N, C-alpha and C. Protein backbone atom coordinates (compact mmCIF):
# COMPACT_ATOMS: atom_id res chain seq x y z
N MET A 1 200.14 227.44 130.13
CA MET A 1 199.48 226.85 131.23
C MET A 1 197.83 226.53 130.81
N LYS A 2 197.49 225.37 131.36
CA LYS A 2 196.33 224.88 130.91
C LYS A 2 195.29 225.57 131.86
N GLU A 3 194.14 226.05 131.21
CA GLU A 3 192.98 226.59 131.94
C GLU A 3 192.10 225.46 132.54
N ASN A 4 191.87 225.57 133.66
CA ASN A 4 190.99 224.66 134.40
C ASN A 4 189.61 225.33 134.70
N ARG A 5 188.77 225.58 133.76
CA ARG A 5 187.46 226.28 134.08
C ARG A 5 186.44 225.22 134.57
N LYS A 6 185.78 225.82 135.46
CA LYS A 6 184.56 224.97 136.18
C LYS A 6 183.35 225.15 135.39
N ASN A 7 182.65 224.28 135.10
CA ASN A 7 181.26 224.48 134.41
C ASN A 7 180.29 223.94 135.26
N TYR A 8 179.09 224.54 135.27
CA TYR A 8 177.96 224.05 136.20
C TYR A 8 177.02 223.25 135.36
N TYR A 9 176.54 222.27 135.91
CA TYR A 9 175.82 221.17 135.43
C TYR A 9 174.56 221.04 136.14
N GLU A 10 173.64 220.44 135.70
CA GLU A 10 172.36 219.85 136.23
C GLU A 10 172.48 218.53 135.71
N ALA A 11 172.45 217.65 136.85
CA ALA A 11 172.53 216.27 136.78
C ALA A 11 171.29 215.46 137.18
N MET A 12 170.96 214.50 136.31
CA MET A 12 169.77 213.70 136.92
C MET A 12 170.21 212.20 136.94
N PHE A 13 170.21 211.46 138.17
CA PHE A 13 170.63 210.12 138.31
C PHE A 13 169.53 209.35 138.66
N LEU A 14 169.27 208.06 137.93
CA LEU A 14 168.27 207.20 137.98
C LEU A 14 168.89 206.23 138.75
N LEU A 15 168.55 205.92 139.92
CA LEU A 15 169.22 204.61 140.76
C LEU A 15 168.31 203.59 140.87
N ARG A 16 168.88 202.43 141.16
CA ARG A 16 168.08 201.14 141.18
C ARG A 16 167.16 200.99 142.23
N GLN A 17 166.28 200.13 142.12
CA GLN A 17 165.12 200.11 143.09
C GLN A 17 165.71 199.72 144.54
N ALA A 18 166.69 199.02 144.51
CA ALA A 18 167.43 198.58 145.84
C ALA A 18 167.94 199.88 146.42
N ALA A 19 168.30 200.90 145.61
CA ALA A 19 168.75 202.12 146.42
C ALA A 19 167.87 202.83 147.01
N SER A 20 166.48 202.80 146.61
CA SER A 20 165.50 203.41 147.64
C SER A 20 165.44 202.79 148.98
N ALA A 21 165.81 201.35 149.07
CA ALA A 21 165.88 200.89 150.37
C ALA A 21 167.08 201.38 151.28
N ASP A 22 168.25 201.59 150.65
CA ASP A 22 169.48 202.17 151.23
C ASP A 22 169.75 203.55 150.42
N LEU A 23 168.83 204.32 150.79
CA LEU A 23 169.08 205.65 149.93
C LEU A 23 170.24 206.43 150.54
N GLY A 24 170.72 206.27 151.62
CA GLY A 24 171.93 206.98 152.09
C GLY A 24 173.20 206.53 151.48
N ALA A 25 173.28 205.28 151.23
CA ALA A 25 174.32 204.71 150.61
C ALA A 25 174.52 205.22 149.23
N ALA A 26 173.28 205.23 148.46
CA ALA A 26 173.21 205.63 147.09
C ALA A 26 173.63 207.01 147.00
N VAL A 27 173.11 207.95 148.03
CA VAL A 27 173.46 209.39 147.89
C VAL A 27 174.92 209.49 148.09
N ASP A 28 175.55 208.90 148.89
CA ASP A 28 176.81 208.88 149.35
C ASP A 28 177.72 208.41 148.16
N HIS A 29 177.27 207.42 147.47
CA HIS A 29 177.96 207.10 146.33
C HIS A 29 178.07 208.21 145.08
N ILE A 30 176.95 208.93 144.96
CA ILE A 30 176.86 209.95 143.88
C ILE A 30 177.76 211.06 144.52
N ARG A 31 177.64 211.43 145.70
CA ARG A 31 178.80 212.44 146.32
C ARG A 31 179.87 211.96 146.03
N GLU A 32 180.29 210.69 146.34
CA GLU A 32 181.80 210.26 146.11
C GLU A 32 182.30 210.48 144.81
N VAL A 33 181.49 209.93 143.64
CA VAL A 33 181.78 210.15 142.29
C VAL A 33 182.10 211.59 141.95
N LEU A 34 181.14 212.52 142.45
CA LEU A 34 181.33 213.90 141.91
C LEU A 34 182.49 214.56 142.75
N GLU A 35 182.72 214.22 144.10
CA GLU A 35 183.93 214.70 144.98
C GLU A 35 185.11 214.24 144.28
N ARG A 36 185.23 213.04 144.00
CA ARG A 36 186.45 212.60 143.27
C ARG A 36 186.92 213.24 142.14
N ALA A 37 185.95 213.79 141.38
CA ALA A 37 186.25 214.41 140.02
C ALA A 37 186.27 215.95 140.59
N GLU A 38 186.53 216.53 141.65
CA GLU A 38 186.84 217.80 142.22
C GLU A 38 185.39 218.52 142.04
N GLY A 39 184.30 217.96 142.05
CA GLY A 39 183.04 218.57 141.84
C GLY A 39 182.62 219.27 143.21
N GLU A 40 182.01 220.32 142.90
CA GLU A 40 181.31 221.12 144.04
C GLU A 40 179.78 221.02 143.95
N ILE A 41 179.34 220.28 144.82
CA ILE A 41 177.85 219.94 144.85
C ILE A 41 177.11 221.23 145.38
N LEU A 42 176.33 221.86 144.55
CA LEU A 42 175.60 223.10 145.10
C LEU A 42 174.43 222.79 145.63
N ALA A 43 173.61 221.81 145.05
CA ALA A 43 172.30 221.42 145.58
C ALA A 43 172.03 220.09 145.07
N MET A 44 171.24 219.24 145.99
CA MET A 44 170.98 217.85 145.71
C MET A 44 169.64 217.63 146.29
N LYS A 45 168.69 217.13 145.62
CA LYS A 45 167.46 216.58 146.23
C LYS A 45 166.83 215.34 145.46
N LYS A 46 166.26 214.80 146.19
CA LYS A 46 165.30 213.47 145.70
C LYS A 46 164.12 214.18 144.86
N TRP A 47 164.05 213.76 143.47
CA TRP A 47 163.21 214.30 142.66
C TRP A 47 162.00 213.45 142.69
N ASP A 48 162.23 212.08 142.49
CA ASP A 48 160.80 211.08 142.43
C ASP A 48 161.32 209.83 142.59
N GLU A 49 160.35 208.94 143.00
CA GLU A 49 160.38 207.44 143.04
C GLU A 49 159.13 207.09 142.19
N ARG A 50 159.60 206.42 141.01
CA ARG A 50 158.42 205.78 140.24
C ARG A 50 158.73 204.69 139.47
N ARG A 51 157.63 204.14 138.92
CA ARG A 51 157.66 202.98 137.76
C ARG A 51 158.24 203.45 136.57
N LEU A 52 159.12 202.90 136.19
CA LEU A 52 159.85 203.05 134.82
C LEU A 52 158.79 202.55 133.71
N ALA A 53 158.98 203.33 132.52
CA ALA A 53 158.08 203.03 131.33
C ALA A 53 158.52 201.85 130.86
N TYR A 54 159.70 201.30 130.99
CA TYR A 54 160.22 199.94 130.48
C TYR A 54 161.38 199.38 131.49
N GLU A 55 161.66 198.32 131.61
CA GLU A 55 162.76 197.71 132.46
C GLU A 55 163.96 198.12 131.86
N ILE A 56 164.96 198.51 132.89
CA ILE A 56 166.34 198.78 132.60
C ILE A 56 167.11 197.94 133.63
N LYS A 57 167.91 196.95 133.07
CA LYS A 57 168.77 196.30 133.71
C LYS A 57 167.93 195.36 134.73
N LYS A 58 166.63 194.86 134.22
CA LYS A 58 165.90 194.07 135.14
C LYS A 58 165.06 194.73 136.24
N GLN A 59 165.12 196.19 136.19
CA GLN A 59 164.55 197.06 137.23
C GLN A 59 163.31 197.66 136.73
N LYS A 60 162.13 197.38 137.53
CA LYS A 60 160.85 198.05 137.14
C LYS A 60 160.57 199.34 137.81
N ARG A 61 161.27 199.70 138.82
CA ARG A 61 161.22 201.07 139.47
C ARG A 61 162.48 201.61 139.69
N GLY A 62 162.42 202.91 140.06
CA GLY A 62 163.74 203.72 140.16
C GLY A 62 163.57 204.83 140.96
N THR A 63 164.64 205.47 141.60
CA THR A 63 164.55 206.62 142.34
C THR A 63 165.59 207.72 141.50
N TYR A 64 164.90 208.84 141.35
CA TYR A 64 165.51 210.07 140.77
C TYR A 64 166.15 210.94 141.65
N ILE A 65 167.43 211.21 141.48
CA ILE A 65 168.18 212.23 142.30
C ILE A 65 168.68 213.37 141.28
N LEU A 66 168.23 214.78 141.70
CA LEU A 66 168.66 215.88 140.88
C LEU A 66 169.74 216.54 141.69
N VAL A 67 170.87 216.88 140.96
CA VAL A 67 171.94 217.48 141.63
C VAL A 67 172.50 218.59 140.68
N TYR A 68 172.94 219.85 141.24
CA TYR A 68 173.42 220.77 140.65
C TYR A 68 174.82 220.86 141.20
N VAL A 69 175.81 220.87 140.13
CA VAL A 69 177.14 220.48 140.55
C VAL A 69 178.15 221.34 139.67
N GLY A 70 179.24 221.91 140.20
CA GLY A 70 180.17 222.54 139.47
C GLY A 70 181.45 221.56 139.27
N ILE A 71 181.83 221.41 138.18
CA ILE A 71 182.90 220.27 137.79
C ILE A 71 183.90 221.04 136.98
N PRO A 72 185.19 220.83 137.21
CA PRO A 72 186.25 221.43 136.15
C PRO A 72 186.00 220.51 134.87
N ALA A 73 186.03 221.33 133.91
CA ALA A 73 185.87 220.71 132.46
C ALA A 73 186.87 219.56 132.10
N ALA A 74 188.09 219.65 132.78
CA ALA A 74 189.03 218.51 132.47
C ALA A 74 188.49 217.33 133.04
N GLN A 75 187.77 217.32 134.18
CA GLN A 75 187.30 215.97 134.84
C GLN A 75 186.13 215.32 134.50
N MET A 76 185.35 215.94 133.46
CA MET A 76 184.23 215.30 132.85
C MET A 76 184.45 213.84 132.46
N ALA A 77 185.56 213.71 131.65
CA ALA A 77 185.67 212.40 131.18
C ALA A 77 185.76 211.25 132.37
N SER A 78 186.49 211.52 133.54
CA SER A 78 186.52 210.72 134.53
C SER A 78 185.12 210.48 135.13
N VAL A 79 184.36 211.71 135.33
CA VAL A 79 182.89 211.49 135.91
C VAL A 79 182.20 210.57 134.88
N GLU A 80 182.18 210.73 133.71
CA GLU A 80 181.52 209.77 132.71
C GLU A 80 181.92 208.29 133.02
N ARG A 81 183.25 208.03 133.16
CA ARG A 81 183.73 206.69 133.33
C ARG A 81 183.18 206.21 134.62
N MET A 82 183.30 207.04 135.70
CA MET A 82 182.87 206.40 136.95
C MET A 82 181.39 206.10 136.97
N LEU A 83 180.55 206.84 136.35
CA LEU A 83 178.99 206.72 136.24
C LEU A 83 178.81 205.50 135.40
N ASN A 84 179.44 205.28 134.32
CA ASN A 84 179.10 204.14 133.52
C ASN A 84 179.33 202.74 134.08
N LEU A 85 180.35 202.83 135.02
CA LEU A 85 180.90 201.63 135.82
C LEU A 85 180.13 201.49 136.98
N SER A 86 179.29 202.31 137.40
CA SER A 86 178.53 202.31 138.75
C SER A 86 177.43 201.26 138.72
N GLU A 87 177.47 200.45 139.85
CA GLU A 87 176.43 199.38 139.86
C GLU A 87 175.03 199.88 140.55
N VAL A 88 175.07 201.16 141.05
CA VAL A 88 173.93 201.79 141.63
C VAL A 88 173.25 202.63 140.66
N VAL A 89 173.81 203.47 139.83
CA VAL A 89 173.32 204.26 138.91
C VAL A 89 172.93 203.49 137.63
N LEU A 90 171.56 203.46 137.41
CA LEU A 90 171.13 202.74 136.08
C LEU A 90 171.32 203.68 134.99
N ARG A 91 170.95 204.97 134.93
CA ARG A 91 171.11 206.02 133.92
C ARG A 91 171.50 207.43 134.59
N TRP A 92 172.09 207.99 133.86
CA TRP A 92 172.43 209.45 134.26
C TRP A 92 172.41 210.36 133.14
N MET A 93 172.20 211.70 133.29
CA MET A 93 172.38 212.65 132.36
C MET A 93 172.97 213.90 132.90
N LEU A 94 173.99 214.47 132.44
CA LEU A 94 174.63 215.64 132.79
C LEU A 94 174.41 216.85 131.70
N VAL A 95 173.61 217.99 132.02
CA VAL A 95 173.47 218.99 130.97
C VAL A 95 174.23 220.24 131.72
N ARG A 96 174.64 221.12 130.86
CA ARG A 96 175.25 222.27 131.12
C ARG A 96 174.15 223.20 131.54
N ALA A 97 174.35 223.86 132.91
CA ALA A 97 173.28 224.72 133.39
C ALA A 97 173.55 226.17 133.04
N ASP A 98 173.89 226.49 131.91
CA ASP A 98 174.17 227.92 131.64
C ASP A 98 172.89 228.81 131.87
N HIS A 99 171.85 228.17 131.78
CA HIS A 99 170.58 229.00 131.70
C HIS A 99 170.24 229.32 133.27
N LEU A 100 171.00 228.95 134.31
CA LEU A 100 170.85 229.10 135.61
C LEU A 100 171.83 229.85 136.20
N SER A 101 171.60 230.75 137.21
CA SER A 101 172.66 231.33 137.89
C SER A 101 173.06 230.37 139.22
N VAL A 102 174.24 230.56 139.72
CA VAL A 102 174.62 229.88 141.01
C VAL A 102 173.74 230.07 142.05
N GLU A 103 173.18 231.15 142.22
CA GLU A 103 172.23 231.52 143.25
C GLU A 103 170.97 230.64 143.04
N GLU A 104 170.53 230.59 141.71
CA GLU A 104 169.31 229.84 141.55
C GLU A 104 169.60 228.22 141.73
N MET A 105 170.74 227.90 141.53
CA MET A 105 171.16 226.42 141.75
C MET A 105 171.10 226.19 143.12
N THR A 106 171.80 226.91 143.93
CA THR A 106 171.70 226.76 145.31
C THR A 106 170.42 226.95 146.06
N ALA A 107 169.62 227.68 145.47
CA ALA A 107 168.18 227.79 146.10
C ALA A 107 167.39 226.56 145.98
N ALA A 108 167.72 225.55 145.09
CA ALA A 108 167.07 224.40 144.83
C ALA A 108 167.47 223.32 145.81
N ASP A 109 168.45 223.72 146.50
CA ASP A 109 169.01 222.72 147.60
C ASP A 109 167.94 222.13 148.48
N ALA A 110 168.03 220.86 148.63
CA ALA A 110 167.15 220.13 149.56
C ALA A 110 167.81 218.86 150.31
N GLN A 111 169.18 219.30 150.33
CA GLN A 111 169.99 218.26 151.19
C GLN A 111 169.44 218.00 152.62
N GLN A 112 168.83 218.90 153.32
CA GLN A 112 168.32 218.62 154.65
C GLN A 112 167.06 217.81 154.61
N GLU A 113 166.23 218.00 153.56
CA GLU A 113 165.16 217.10 153.46
C GLU A 113 165.62 215.79 152.87
N LEU A 114 166.40 215.55 152.16
CA LEU A 114 167.06 214.34 151.78
C LEU A 114 167.55 213.72 152.99
N ALA A 115 168.24 214.29 153.81
CA ALA A 115 168.98 213.75 155.07
C ALA A 115 167.97 213.20 156.03
N ASP A 116 166.80 213.93 156.12
CA ASP A 116 165.66 213.68 156.93
C ASP A 116 165.19 212.30 156.47
N GLU A 117 164.83 212.30 155.16
CA GLU A 117 164.46 211.10 154.66
C GLU A 117 165.22 209.85 154.83
N ILE A 118 166.55 209.99 154.54
CA ILE A 118 167.49 208.92 154.78
C ILE A 118 167.37 208.38 156.28
N LYS A 119 167.37 209.32 157.14
CA LYS A 119 167.22 209.05 158.54
C LYS A 119 165.82 208.22 158.98
N LEU A 120 164.82 208.80 158.31
CA LEU A 120 163.56 208.01 158.56
C LEU A 120 163.50 206.58 158.02
N ARG A 121 164.05 206.44 156.88
CA ARG A 121 164.20 205.21 156.17
C ARG A 121 164.94 204.23 157.03
N SER A 122 166.22 204.75 157.52
CA SER A 122 167.02 203.80 158.45
C SER A 122 166.32 203.60 159.63
N GLU A 123 165.63 204.42 160.24
CA GLU A 123 164.83 204.17 161.49
C GLU A 123 163.73 203.16 161.04
N ARG A 124 163.20 203.30 160.00
CA ARG A 124 162.11 202.27 159.74
C ARG A 124 162.71 200.86 159.51
N GLY A 125 163.80 200.85 159.01
CA GLY A 125 164.47 199.54 158.46
C GLY A 125 164.79 198.92 159.87
N ARG A 126 165.29 199.78 160.83
CA ARG A 126 165.94 199.15 162.00
C ARG A 126 164.68 198.78 162.81
N ASP A 127 163.61 199.38 162.83
CA ASP A 127 162.48 198.89 163.51
C ASP A 127 161.78 197.54 163.06
N ARG A 128 161.83 197.58 161.64
CA ARG A 128 161.53 196.40 160.94
C ARG A 128 162.37 195.07 161.34
N ASP A 129 163.76 195.32 161.36
CA ASP A 129 164.71 194.40 161.76
C ASP A 129 164.50 193.87 163.23
N GLU A 130 164.16 194.82 164.05
CA GLU A 130 163.86 194.51 165.53
C GLU A 130 162.54 193.55 165.63
N SER A 131 161.55 193.78 164.79
CA SER A 131 160.37 193.19 164.85
C SER A 131 160.52 191.85 164.38
N GLU A 132 161.30 191.78 163.34
CA GLU A 132 161.65 190.34 162.71
C GLU A 132 162.28 189.44 163.66
N GLU A 133 163.22 190.20 164.45
CA GLU A 133 164.05 189.31 165.45
C GLU A 133 163.12 188.85 166.71
N THR A 134 162.06 189.68 167.07
CA THR A 134 161.24 189.19 168.21
C THR A 134 160.03 188.16 167.74
N GLU A 135 159.79 188.16 166.50
CA GLU A 135 158.75 187.27 165.93
C GLU A 135 159.02 185.77 165.96
N PRO A 136 160.27 185.51 165.48
CA PRO A 136 160.54 183.99 165.71
C PRO A 136 160.67 183.50 167.03
N ALA A 137 161.05 184.48 168.02
CA ALA A 137 161.28 184.12 169.40
C ALA A 137 159.61 183.73 169.84
N ALA A 138 158.97 184.69 169.71
CA ALA A 138 157.33 184.57 169.99
C ALA A 138 156.78 183.18 169.42
N ALA A 139 157.16 182.92 168.31
CA ALA A 139 156.57 181.67 167.52
C ALA A 139 157.08 180.28 168.34
N GLU A 140 158.33 180.57 168.72
CA GLU A 140 158.91 179.35 169.33
C GLU A 140 158.29 178.98 170.68
N ALA A 141 157.71 180.04 171.44
CA ALA A 141 157.13 180.03 172.69
C ALA A 141 155.87 179.28 172.88
């Protein structure tokens, strides 16, 4: 019988600059990739949004997402394959988190803060879209 041991990882994802505009879709993409591989997300938070030291695929800025996840060892190859094919993720790194306990990983969770930021960004985008729709009408009058 094949043992299907779950290992815990600390994962850092560098997302495209466009992903910061639609952060919700980018976070959902990361969740989908990890959940397809039977991963259990313990914690997820936006780490930073910053200028890159050098261009990566013509991108000058990027958003970093930090995730603590438990993934069955047999599924790691499929996770790597999906991330390498991803259009949203510029770079990624998964490191075994043997130095942390599960409690420490779950304590780092900021998914509510991430959800609040996604909601705020979508509201700003909606407000911006509405103001753009009213400006041309005002210009015609």
